[in-house]
Protein backbone atom coordinates (compact mmCIF):
# COMPACT_ATOMS: atom_id res chain seq x y z
CA MET A 1 5.34 34.99 15.44
CA GLY A 2 7.46 32.57 13.09
CA ARG A 3 8.08 30.93 16.41
CA ARG A 4 4.70 29.68 17.22
CA THR A 5 3.61 28.85 13.54
CA LEU A 6 3.76 25.96 12.41
CA ALA A 7 1.93 25.61 9.20
CA ALA A 8 4.70 25.92 6.88
CA ARG A 9 6.62 23.28 8.41
CA SER A 10 6.78 19.40 7.31
CA TRP A 11 5.39 16.82 9.76
CA ASP A 12 8.56 15.68 10.74
CA ASP A 13 9.73 19.44 11.69
CA VAL A 14 7.05 19.85 13.46
CA PHE A 15 7.85 17.20 15.81
CA SER A 16 11.34 18.01 16.22
CA TYR A 17 9.99 21.66 16.94
CA VAL A 18 7.24 20.21 19.53
CA ALA A 19 9.93 18.07 20.94
CA ALA A 20 12.40 20.67 21.52
CA VAL A 21 10.30 23.13 23.53
CA ALA A 22 9.13 20.18 25.40
CA ASP A 23 12.66 19.27 26.33
CA ALA A 24 13.45 23.05 26.82
CA LEU A 25 10.44 23.08 29.10
CA GLY A 26 11.15 19.69 30.85
CA LEU A 27 14.56 20.64 31.68
CA ALA A 28 13.37 23.87 33.65
CA ALA A 29 10.84 21.74 35.41
CA ASP A 30 13.67 19.22 36.39
CA ASP A 31 15.46 22.03 37.90
CA GLY A 32 12.56 22.81 40.11
CA ASP A 33 10.61 25.64 38.22
CA LYS A 34 7.24 24.23 39.09
CA GLU A 35 5.47 27.04 36.90
CA VAL A 36 7.27 25.91 33.59
CA ALA A 37 6.37 22.23 34.84
CA ALA A 38 2.89 23.21 34.20
CA LEU A 39 3.44 24.55 30.70
CA ALA A 40 5.83 21.61 30.17
CA ARG A 41 2.88 19.02 30.78
CA LYS A 42 0.95 20.72 28.05
CA VAL A 43 3.74 20.23 25.44
CA ASP A 44 4.56 17.23 26.46
CA ALA A 45 0.83 16.29 25.82
CA LEU A 46 1.48 17.14 22.27
CA VAL A 47 4.43 15.19 21.68
CA VAL A 48 2.41 11.98 22.72
CA ARG A 49 -0.09 12.89 20.49
CA TRP A 50 1.98 13.27 17.44
CA GLU A 51 3.89 9.78 18.27
CA ALA A 52 0.54 8.20 18.16
CA LEU A 53 -0.73 9.75 14.96
CA ASP A 54 2.43 9.25 13.47
CA THR A 55 2.02 5.68 13.89
CA GLU A 56 -1.18 5.86 12.41
CA ARG A 57 0.08 7.57 9.31
CA ARG A 58 2.43 5.31 8.56
CA ALA A 59 -0.02 1.96 9.52
CA ARG A 60 -2.40 3.62 6.79
CA ALA A 61 0.38 4.29 4.34
CA ARG A 62 0.83 0.85 4.56
CA ALA A 63 -2.53 -0.11 4.10
CA ILE A 64 -2.86 1.75 0.94
CA GLY A 65 -0.02 0.54 -0.68
CA ARG A 66 -1.00 -3.15 0.71
CA CYS A 67 -4.56 -2.56 -0.96
CA ASN A 68 -3.32 -0.83 -4.27
CA ALA A 69 -0.61 -4.25 -4.53
CA LEU A 70 -3.96 -6.19 -3.71
CA VAL A 71 -5.91 -4.80 -6.49
CA ARG A 72 -3.00 -4.90 -8.90
CA ARG A 73 -3.24 -8.47 -8.23
CA ARG A 74 -6.77 -9.17 -8.58
CA ASP A 75 -6.63 -7.16 -11.89
CA ASP A 76 -4.37 -9.64 -13.20
CA GLY A 77 -6.43 -12.51 -11.69
CA ALA A 78 -9.34 -11.37 -13.84
CA ASP A 79 -7.42 -10.80 -16.91
CA ARG A 80 -6.01 -14.29 -16.99
CA ALA A 81 -9.47 -15.75 -15.97
CA THR A 82 -11.25 -13.55 -18.95
CA THR A 83 -8.52 -14.85 -21.48
CA GLU A 84 -8.73 -18.25 -20.73
CA LEU A 85 -12.37 -18.12 -21.53
CA HIS A 86 -11.37 -16.27 -24.48
CA HIS A 87 -9.36 -18.88 -25.48
CA ASP A 88 -11.84 -21.58 -25.21
CA ALA A 89 -14.96 -19.42 -27.05
CA LEU A 90 -12.46 -19.57 -29.94
CA ALA A 91 -11.46 -22.83 -29.81
CA ALA A 92 -15.31 -23.49 -29.89
CA ALA A 93 -16.01 -21.32 -32.63
CA ARG A 94 -13.31 -22.89 -34.55
CA GLN A 95 -11.28 -19.33 -34.60
CA ASP A 96 -14.47 -17.64 -36.27
CA ARG A 97 -15.23 -14.46 -34.35
CA ALA A 98 -18.30 -14.21 -36.25
CA HIS A 99 -19.37 -17.58 -34.82
CA PRO A 100 -22.37 -16.95 -32.17
CA VAL A 101 -20.66 -18.54 -29.75
CA TYR A 102 -17.82 -16.07 -29.58
CA GLN A 103 -20.36 -12.94 -30.66
CA HIS A 104 -22.49 -14.03 -27.39
CA LEU A 105 -19.33 -14.19 -24.95
CA PHE A 106 -17.02 -11.45 -26.73
CA PRO A 107 -18.99 -9.32 -28.94
CA ASP A 108 -16.44 -6.81 -28.41
CA GLY A 109 -13.16 -8.82 -28.53
CA LEU A 110 -11.22 -9.45 -25.75
CA VAL A 111 -9.06 -6.29 -25.33
CA ALA A 112 -12.21 -4.55 -24.31
CA GLU A 113 -12.80 -6.93 -21.41
CA THR A 114 -9.07 -6.87 -20.05
CA LYS A 115 -8.04 -3.49 -20.76
CA PRO A 116 -9.60 -1.25 -18.05
CA SER A 117 -8.59 -1.00 -14.67
CA LEU A 118 -9.96 -3.21 -12.36
CA GLU A 119 -12.41 -0.78 -10.83
CA SER A 120 -13.47 0.04 -14.73
CA GLN A 121 -13.49 -3.81 -15.63
CA LEU A 122 -16.07 -5.25 -12.80
CA PRO A 123 -19.07 -4.03 -14.34
CA LEU A 124 -17.94 -5.66 -17.66
CA LEU A 125 -17.04 -8.88 -15.72
CA ARG A 126 -20.47 -9.02 -14.04
CA ALA A 127 -21.97 -8.93 -17.39
CA LEU A 128 -19.13 -11.17 -19.11
CA VAL A 129 -20.61 -13.71 -15.69
CA ARG A 130 -23.75 -13.61 -16.60
CA ARG A 131 -23.44 -14.22 -20.36
CA VAL A 132 -21.12 -17.45 -19.39
CA ALA A 133 -24.50 -18.56 -17.26
CA ALA A 134 -27.00 -17.97 -20.35
CA ASP A 135 -28.18 -20.92 -22.32
CA GLU A 136 -26.10 -19.81 -25.61
CA THR A 137 -22.77 -20.74 -23.97
CA PRO A 138 -22.17 -24.14 -24.32
CA ALA A 139 -22.33 -26.36 -21.49
CA ALA A 140 -18.59 -27.37 -21.24
CA ILE A 141 -17.69 -23.55 -21.47
CA ARG A 142 -19.93 -22.67 -18.37
CA LYS A 143 -18.97 -25.57 -16.54
CA ALA A 144 -15.26 -25.01 -16.88
CA HIS A 145 -15.40 -21.26 -16.72
CA HIS A 146 -18.48 -19.91 -14.70
CA ASP A 147 -17.25 -20.48 -11.33
CA VAL A 148 -13.62 -19.19 -12.06
CA LEU A 149 -15.04 -15.71 -13.49
CA LYS A 150 -17.43 -15.39 -10.40
CA LYS A 151 -14.80 -15.72 -7.88
CA ALA A 152 -12.20 -13.56 -9.92
CA LEU A 153 -15.66 -10.72 -9.68
CA SER A 154 -15.78 -11.77 -6.15
CA LEU A 155 -11.91 -11.19 -5.51
CA GLY A 156 -12.05 -8.17 -7.39
CA GLU A 157 -15.04 -6.23 -5.45
CA ALA A 158 -13.36 -6.98 -2.65
CA ALA A 159 -9.93 -5.25 -3.34
CA VAL A 160 -11.56 -2.34 -4.90
CA THR A 161 -13.93 -1.94 -1.57
CA ALA A 162 -11.04 -2.43 0.32
CA ARG A 163 -8.90 -0.05 -1.42
CA GLU A 164 -11.96 2.48 -1.17
CA ASP A 165 -11.67 2.07 2.87
CA ALA A 166 -8.03 2.31 3.12
CA TYR A 167 -8.44 5.79 1.47
CA ALA A 168 -11.35 6.93 3.34
CA GLU A 169 -9.56 5.98 6.60
CA ALA A 170 -6.04 7.72 5.37
CA GLY A 171 -8.43 10.71 4.66
CA ARG A 172 -9.78 10.96 8.94
CA THR A 173 -6.08 10.57 9.91
CA THR A 174 -4.89 13.30 7.63
CA ALA A 175 -7.92 15.74 9.33
CA ARG A 176 -6.54 14.44 12.24
CA THR A 177 -3.15 15.71 11.58
CA VAL A 178 -4.45 19.01 10.46
CA ALA A 179 -6.06 19.29 13.96
CA LEU A 180 -3.26 18.36 15.85
CA ARG A 181 -1.13 21.27 13.97
CA GLU A 182 -3.65 23.84 14.83
CA ASP A 183 -3.62 22.14 18.28
CA ALA A 184 0.15 22.55 18.60
CA ASP A 185 0.07 26.14 17.30
CA ARG A 186 -2.83 27.13 19.96
CA VAL A 187 -0.49 25.24 22.93
CA LEU A 188 2.82 26.88 21.82
CA LEU A 189 1.13 30.67 21.44
CA GLY A 190 -0.21 30.02 24.86
CA VAL A 191 3.10 29.02 26.47
CA GLU A 192 4.91 31.84 24.71
CA GLY A 193 2.65 34.10 26.30
CA ALA A 194 2.34 32.29 29.68
CA LEU A 195 6.34 32.57 29.46
CA ALA A 196 6.64 36.00 28.45
CA THR A 197 4.52 36.82 31.62
CA LEU A 198 6.18 34.71 34.08
CA ALA A 199 9.88 36.46 32.52
CA SER A 200 8.18 39.95 33.42
CA ASP A 201 7.14 39.03 36.83
CA ARG A 202 10.53 37.50 37.41
CA LYS A 203 12.06 40.56 35.75
CA LEU A 204 14.06 38.85 33.07
CA ASP A 205 14.45 39.86 29.57
CA ALA A 206 13.12 37.98 26.45
CA SER A 207 16.04 36.10 26.03
CA TRP A 208 14.77 33.85 28.81
CA VAL A 209 11.55 33.18 27.04
CA ASP A 210 13.76 32.55 23.89
CA THR A 211 16.01 29.88 25.62
CA PHE A 212 12.34 27.75 25.57
CA PHE A 213 12.10 27.68 21.56
CA PRO A 214 14.33 26.54 18.63
CA ALA A 215 16.84 29.04 17.84
CA SER A 216 16.08 30.48 14.32
CA GLU A 217 18.22 29.54 11.22
CA ALA A 218 20.53 32.21 10.99
CA ALA A 219 20.70 34.42 7.55
CA PRO A 220 23.66 33.23 5.90
CA LYS A 221 26.40 35.73 6.31
CA LYS A 222 26.78 38.02 3.10
CA LYS A 223 30.56 37.52 1.51
CA LYS A 224 32.49 40.82 1.72
CA PRO A 225 33.29 41.97 -1.95
CA ALA A 226 36.46 41.20 -3.32
CA PRO A 227 38.73 44.42 -3.39
CA PRO A 228 38.94 45.93 -6.60
CA THR A 229 41.61 44.89 -9.15
CA PRO A 230 44.52 47.55 -9.53
């Protein structure tokens, strides 16, 4: 039973196990065993699927890493654009945080705008862009910062969307890996049963079937107790 159950094995161990079965069956096929050759083709198909899916898994992981880096970059860009606006707003308000211009642009201060993660910051940034575009904002500040903030917002939205898409794609790939494990269990179970039938037909014992599967790890030998000290 343990031979055909792959659920507890790691992804790489699944490949090693299935590939070992494919190799053992393939060697028998190379020696002219046509009935085993038919079984070998089924397991070879699993190996091909695993290799393609493994490439896909690595690509998905790389895509997620790149998207996370992009989100951090866009987060930093949005913070910097917001901070530059804050500096100019303070200058226009003559360092008076109670001044109408400052209160219009930063009613909750700078930290409230830049502390959240990018995903949480986007709604704040959208509102800030609207405030910069309003008539209450001095024309010089609006001209200097509106387009910069709008671009930071657009880039941030695109980065967050790309990351969401990358995680969604990774989720679909994970579902395919689960399906492959299940298929591998099913195929190996069928192969084991077919080999057992061949062994019976050929008057061979169970050890012949065992040669097509990786040997189970032997349990560590128990040390003999030390002789009693006289």
